[in-house]
Amino acid sequence: MTPMEAVVATDRKLAAVLTYLRTALGNNASAVTPEEAKALRDKWQDIKVPVTRAKLEELEEASRK
């Protein structure tokens, strides 16, 4: 199995994976662009451990302030 780091090594590859996840289950979401993938990668670059839903909500709330 390919390591996840190789799958999402570039912003283009990460965008493709995120787009697949957003549309695979019949969702009608738009495609993720490489620029959006880069923004997400930059936002989360310092997080090196698994993140709980509660932590995601906390971080999202903090980003709105």
C-alpha atoms as a PDB file:
ATOM      1  CA  MET A   1       0.000   0.000   0.000  1.00  0.00           C
ATOM      2  CA  THR A   2       1.273   3.451  -0.866  1.00  0.00           C
ATOM      3  CA  PRO A   3       2.083   5.650   2.157  1.00  0.00           C
ATOM      4  CA  MET A   4      -0.386   8.519   2.586  1.00  0.00           C
ATOM      5  CA  GLU A   5       2.466  11.031   2.378  1.00  0.00           C
ATOM      6  CA  ALA A   6       3.083   9.941  -1.215  1.00  0.00           C
ATOM      7  CA  VAL A   7      -0.592  10.167  -2.114  1.00  0.00           C
ATOM      8  CA  VAL A   8      -0.887  13.783  -0.950  1.00  0.00           C
ATOM      9  CA  ALA A   9       2.676  14.894  -1.695  1.00  0.00           C
ATOM     10  CA  THR A  10       1.578  17.798  -3.899  1.00  0.00           C
ATOM     11  CA  ASP A  11      -1.260  20.289  -3.662  1.00  0.00           C
ATOM     12  CA  ARG A  12      -2.682  18.884  -6.896  1.00  0.00           C
ATOM     13  CA  LYS A  13      -2.754  15.339  -5.493  1.00  0.00           C
ATOM     14  CA  LEU A  14      -4.239  16.508  -2.192  1.00  0.00           C
ATOM     15  CA  ALA A  15      -6.943  18.414  -4.104  1.00  0.00           C
ATOM     16  CA  ALA A  16      -7.760  15.266  -6.072  1.00  0.00           C
ATOM     17  CA  VAL A  17      -8.103  13.176  -2.897  1.00  0.00           C
ATOM     18  CA  LEU A  18     -10.252  15.818  -1.182  1.00  0.00           C
ATOM     19  CA  THR A  19     -12.437  16.156  -4.277  1.00  0.00           C
ATOM     20  CA  TYR A  20     -12.933  12.393  -4.354  1.00  0.00           C
ATOM     21  CA  LEU A  21     -13.897  12.357  -0.674  1.00  0.00           C
ATOM     22  CA  ARG A  22     -16.340  15.251  -1.187  1.00  0.00           C
ATOM     23  CA  THR A  23     -18.091  13.601  -4.137  1.00  0.00           C
ATOM     24  CA  ALA A  24     -17.718   9.835  -3.613  1.00  0.00           C
ATOM     25  CA  LEU A  25     -20.871   9.291  -1.590  1.00  0.00           C
ATOM     26  CA  GLY A  26     -23.230  11.147  -3.878  1.00  0.00           C
ATOM     27  CA  ASN A  27     -22.559  14.564  -2.405  1.00  0.00           C
ATOM     28  CA  ASN A  28     -22.915  17.438  -4.821  1.00  0.00           C
ATOM     29  CA  ALA A  29     -19.844  19.348  -3.655  1.00  0.00           C
ATOM     30  CA  SER A  30     -17.579  21.342  -5.912  1.00  0.00           C
ATOM     31  CA  ALA A  31     -14.052  20.218  -6.748  1.00  0.00           C
ATOM     32  CA  VAL A  32     -11.212  21.273  -4.469  1.00  0.00           C
ATOM     33  CA  THR A  33      -8.600  23.340  -6.274  1.00  0.00           C
ATOM     34  CA  PRO A  34      -4.854  23.006  -5.706  1.00  0.00           C
ATOM     35  CA  GLU A  35      -4.950  26.539  -4.255  1.00  0.00           C
ATOM     36  CA  GLU A  36      -7.580  25.491  -1.697  1.00  0.00           C
ATOM     37  CA  ALA A  37      -5.547  22.386  -0.885  1.00  0.00           C
ATOM     38  CA  LYS A  38      -2.466  24.566  -0.305  1.00  0.00           C
ATOM     39  CA  ALA A  39      -4.448  26.839   2.015  1.00  0.00           C
ATOM     40  CA  LEU A  40      -5.606  23.816   4.035  1.00  0.00           C
ATOM     41  CA  ARG A  41      -2.096  22.368   4.110  1.00  0.00           C
ATOM     42  CA  ASP A  42      -0.718  25.713   5.342  1.00  0.00           C
ATOM     43  CA  LYS A  43      -3.458  26.039   7.975  1.00  0.00           C
ATOM     44  CA  TRP A  44      -2.804  22.557   9.404  1.00  0.00           C
ATOM     45  CA  GLN A  45       0.964  22.289   8.897  1.00  0.00           C
ATOM     46  CA  ASP A  46       1.797  22.430  12.616  1.00  0.00           C
ATOM     47  CA  ILE A  47      -0.714  19.726  13.622  1.00  0.00           C
ATOM     48  CA  LYS A  48       1.171  16.408  13.752  1.00  0.00           C
ATOM     49  CA  VAL A  49      -1.238  14.262  15.795  1.00  0.00           C
ATOM     50  CA  PRO A  50      -4.772  12.988  15.184  1.00  0.00           C
ATOM     51  CA  VAL A  51      -7.403  15.669  15.775  1.00  0.00           C
ATOM     52  CA  THR A  52     -10.728  15.057  17.523  1.00  0.00           C
ATOM     53  CA  ARG A  53     -14.021  16.529  16.367  1.00  0.00           C
ATOM     54  CA  ALA A  54     -14.054  18.706  19.508  1.00  0.00           C
ATOM     55  CA  LYS A  55     -10.605  20.081  18.633  1.00  0.00           C
ATOM     56  CA  LEU A  56     -11.709  20.753  15.037  1.00  0.00           C
ATOM     57  CA  GLU A  57     -14.710  22.706  16.327  1.00  0.00           C
ATOM     58  CA  GLU A  58     -12.492  24.634  18.748  1.00  0.00           C
ATOM     59  CA  LEU A  59     -10.034  25.550  15.982  1.00  0.00           C
ATOM     60  CA  GLU A  60     -12.838  26.521  13.621  1.00  0.00           C
ATOM     61  CA  GLU A  61     -14.438  28.744  16.263  1.00  0.00           C
ATOM     62  CA  ALA A  62     -11.090  30.406  16.987  1.00  0.00           C
ATOM     63  CA  SER A  63     -10.559  31.111  13.283  1.00  0.00           C
ATOM     64  CA  ARG A  64     -13.880  32.993  13.125  1.00  0.00           C
ATOM     65  CA  LYS A  65     -12.800  35.503  15.786  1.00  0.00           C
END
